[in-house]
Amino acid sequence: MHGIEIAELAVLCVKAKNHFRAAFTALCPVMIDVDAPGPAALEITRFPFRLAPPTLYPLRNKMG
């Protein structure tokens, strides 16, 4: 799609949360998920929600 020959790369980094696996699993059998800080973090329960209701999914029963 972007002219990158994946077969020629040792490492490919993708900044995406979803749907990249469907496109890359056949080409990149080993994938490592990395949780980076910011508004699109992988583990949203680490956000300091102060005004969110306790019933907010998926934070229900995880908020202190």
N, C-alpha and C. Protein backbone atom coordinates (compact mmCIF):
# COMPACT_ATOMS: atom_id res chain seq x y z
N MET A 1 0.82 -1.20 0.00
CA MET A 1 0.00 0.00 0.00
C MET A 1 0.86 1.27 0.00
N HIS A 2 1.95 1.26 0.75
CA HIS A 2 2.82 2.44 0.85
C HIS A 2 4.16 2.21 0.15
N GLY A 3 4.28 1.15 -0.59
CA GLY A 3 5.51 0.87 -1.31
C GLY A 3 6.61 0.28 -0.45
N ILE A 4 6.29 -0.25 0.70
CA ILE A 4 7.28 -0.84 1.60
C ILE A 4 7.34 -2.34 1.35
N GLU A 5 8.53 -2.85 1.08
CA GLU A 5 8.72 -4.29 0.88
C GLU A 5 8.96 -4.94 2.24
N ILE A 6 7.93 -5.48 2.83
CA ILE A 6 8.03 -6.05 4.17
C ILE A 6 9.03 -7.19 4.23
N ALA A 7 9.13 -7.96 3.17
CA ALA A 7 10.07 -9.09 3.16
C ALA A 7 11.52 -8.64 3.30
N GLU A 8 11.82 -7.39 3.01
CA GLU A 8 13.17 -6.87 3.10
C GLU A 8 13.49 -6.27 4.47
N LEU A 9 12.52 -6.22 5.37
CA LEU A 9 12.69 -5.58 6.67
C LEU A 9 12.96 -6.60 7.77
N ALA A 10 13.78 -6.19 8.73
CA ALA A 10 13.99 -7.02 9.91
C ALA A 10 12.93 -6.72 10.97
N VAL A 11 12.51 -5.44 11.06
CA VAL A 11 11.51 -5.00 12.04
C VAL A 11 10.58 -4.01 11.36
N LEU A 12 9.30 -4.17 11.62
CA LEU A 12 8.30 -3.23 11.11
C LEU A 12 7.49 -2.74 12.30
N CYS A 13 7.44 -1.44 12.51
CA CYS A 13 6.66 -0.85 13.59
C CYS A 13 5.39 -0.24 13.00
N VAL A 14 4.28 -0.55 13.62
CA VAL A 14 2.99 -0.05 13.15
C VAL A 14 2.32 0.68 14.29
N LYS A 15 1.97 1.92 14.09
CA LYS A 15 1.25 2.68 15.11
C LYS A 15 -0.24 2.52 14.82
N ALA A 16 -0.79 1.49 15.40
CA ALA A 16 -2.20 1.18 15.18
C ALA A 16 -2.73 0.41 16.38
N LYS A 17 -3.99 0.52 16.64
CA LYS A 17 -4.60 -0.22 17.73
C LYS A 17 -5.39 -1.41 17.24
N ASN A 18 -5.97 -1.28 16.10
CA ASN A 18 -6.87 -2.33 15.66
C ASN A 18 -6.77 -2.56 14.16
N HIS A 19 -7.10 -3.70 13.77
CA HIS A 19 -7.22 -4.16 12.40
C HIS A 19 -5.89 -4.35 11.66
N PHE A 20 -4.78 -3.97 12.22
CA PHE A 20 -3.51 -4.21 11.54
C PHE A 20 -3.19 -5.69 11.49
N ARG A 21 -3.65 -6.45 12.47
CA ARG A 21 -3.36 -7.89 12.49
C ARG A 21 -3.95 -8.59 11.27
N ALA A 22 -5.13 -8.20 10.85
CA ALA A 22 -5.75 -8.83 9.68
C ALA A 22 -4.89 -8.63 8.44
N ALA A 23 -4.26 -7.50 8.34
CA ALA A 23 -3.45 -7.20 7.16
C ALA A 23 -2.03 -7.76 7.25
N PHE A 24 -1.47 -7.88 8.45
CA PHE A 24 -0.05 -8.20 8.60
C PHE A 24 0.27 -9.58 9.16
N THR A 25 -0.69 -10.32 9.67
CA THR A 25 -0.39 -11.61 10.30
C THR A 25 0.30 -12.58 9.35
N ALA A 26 -0.13 -12.65 8.12
CA ALA A 26 0.50 -13.56 7.16
C ALA A 26 1.93 -13.14 6.83
N LEU A 27 2.20 -11.84 6.87
CA LEU A 27 3.53 -11.33 6.52
C LEU A 27 4.46 -11.22 7.72
N CYS A 28 3.90 -11.00 8.89
CA CYS A 28 4.69 -10.81 10.12
C CYS A 28 4.14 -11.75 11.19
N PRO A 29 4.62 -12.97 11.25
CA PRO A 29 4.04 -13.94 12.19
C PRO A 29 4.32 -13.63 13.67
N VAL A 30 5.34 -12.82 13.96
CA VAL A 30 5.64 -12.44 15.34
C VAL A 30 5.28 -10.98 15.53
N MET A 31 4.40 -10.71 16.49
CA MET A 31 3.99 -9.33 16.78
C MET A 31 4.14 -9.07 18.26
N ILE A 32 4.63 -7.90 18.59
CA ILE A 32 4.82 -7.50 19.98
C ILE A 32 3.99 -6.24 20.21
N ASP A 33 3.03 -6.32 21.13
CA ASP A 33 2.22 -5.16 21.47
C ASP A 33 2.97 -4.30 22.48
N VAL A 34 3.00 -3.01 22.24
CA VAL A 34 3.66 -2.06 23.13
C VAL A 34 2.63 -1.03 23.56
N ASP A 35 2.54 -0.79 24.85
CA ASP A 35 1.60 0.20 25.37
C ASP A 35 2.33 1.52 25.55
N ALA A 36 2.00 2.47 24.70
CA ALA A 36 2.63 3.80 24.76
C ALA A 36 1.67 4.77 25.45
N PRO A 37 2.21 5.77 26.13
CA PRO A 37 1.34 6.75 26.77
C PRO A 37 0.63 7.61 25.72
N GLY A 38 -0.47 8.18 26.12
CA GLY A 38 -1.22 9.06 25.22
C GLY A 38 -2.68 8.68 25.16
N PRO A 39 -3.45 9.41 24.36
CA PRO A 39 -4.90 9.19 24.33
C PRO A 39 -5.32 7.86 23.71
N ALA A 40 -4.41 7.15 23.07
CA ALA A 40 -4.75 5.86 22.46
C ALA A 40 -3.99 4.72 23.12
N ALA A 41 -3.78 4.82 24.42
CA ALA A 41 -3.05 3.79 25.15
C ALA A 41 -3.82 2.47 25.11
N LEU A 42 -3.08 1.38 25.15
CA LEU A 42 -3.67 0.05 25.09
C LEU A 42 -4.48 -0.26 26.35
N GLU A 43 -3.96 0.06 27.51
CA GLU A 43 -4.63 -0.26 28.78
C GLU A 43 -5.29 0.99 29.35
N ILE A 44 -6.57 1.18 29.00
CA ILE A 44 -7.24 2.44 29.40
C ILE A 44 -7.56 2.51 30.88
N THR A 45 -7.47 1.40 31.58
CA THR A 45 -7.73 1.46 33.02
C THR A 45 -6.64 2.23 33.76
N ARG A 46 -5.54 2.52 33.11
CA ARG A 46 -4.46 3.31 33.74
C ARG A 46 -4.70 4.81 33.66
N PHE A 47 -5.71 5.24 32.89
CA PHE A 47 -6.03 6.66 32.82
C PHE A 47 -6.62 7.13 34.14
N PRO A 48 -6.28 8.35 34.57
CA PRO A 48 -6.81 8.86 35.84
C PRO A 48 -8.22 9.43 35.67
N PHE A 49 -9.20 8.56 35.43
CA PHE A 49 -10.58 9.03 35.27
C PHE A 49 -11.08 9.58 36.61
N ARG A 50 -11.42 10.84 36.63
CA ARG A 50 -11.91 11.46 37.86
C ARG A 50 -13.41 11.70 37.82
N LEU A 51 -13.94 11.97 36.65
CA LEU A 51 -15.35 12.31 36.52
C LEU A 51 -16.17 11.22 35.85
N ALA A 52 -15.56 10.11 35.50
CA ALA A 52 -16.28 9.03 34.83
C ALA A 52 -17.14 8.28 35.84
N PRO A 53 -18.37 7.94 35.45
CA PRO A 53 -19.22 7.17 36.38
C PRO A 53 -18.64 5.77 36.59
N PRO A 54 -18.81 5.19 37.77
CA PRO A 54 -18.23 3.88 38.06
C PRO A 54 -18.79 2.76 37.18
N THR A 55 -19.90 2.99 36.51
CA THR A 55 -20.49 1.96 35.65
C THR A 55 -19.98 2.03 34.21
N LEU A 56 -19.06 2.95 33.93
CA LEU A 56 -18.55 3.12 32.58
C LEU A 56 -17.81 1.88 32.12
N TYR A 57 -18.25 1.29 31.03
CA TYR A 57 -17.60 0.10 30.47
C TYR A 57 -16.38 0.55 29.67
N PRO A 58 -15.24 -0.09 29.73
CA PRO A 58 -14.91 -1.33 30.43
C PRO A 58 -14.25 -1.09 31.78
N LEU A 59 -14.42 0.08 32.32
CA LEU A 59 -13.77 0.40 33.59
C LEU A 59 -14.55 -0.08 34.80
N ARG A 60 -15.73 -0.56 34.58
CA ARG A 60 -16.58 -1.03 35.67
C ARG A 60 -15.79 -2.01 36.54
N ASN A 61 -15.83 -1.82 37.82
CA ASN A 61 -15.16 -2.65 38.83
C ASN A 61 -13.64 -2.55 38.79
N LYS A 62 -13.08 -1.64 38.01
CA LYS A 62 -11.62 -1.49 37.95
C LYS A 62 -11.19 -0.13 38.51
N MET A 63 -12.14 0.76 38.71
CA MET A 63 -11.81 2.09 39.19
C MET A 63 -11.79 2.08 40.71
N GLY A 64 -10.85 2.82 41.27
CA GLY A 64 -10.74 2.85 42.72
C GLY A 64 -11.53 3.94 43.35
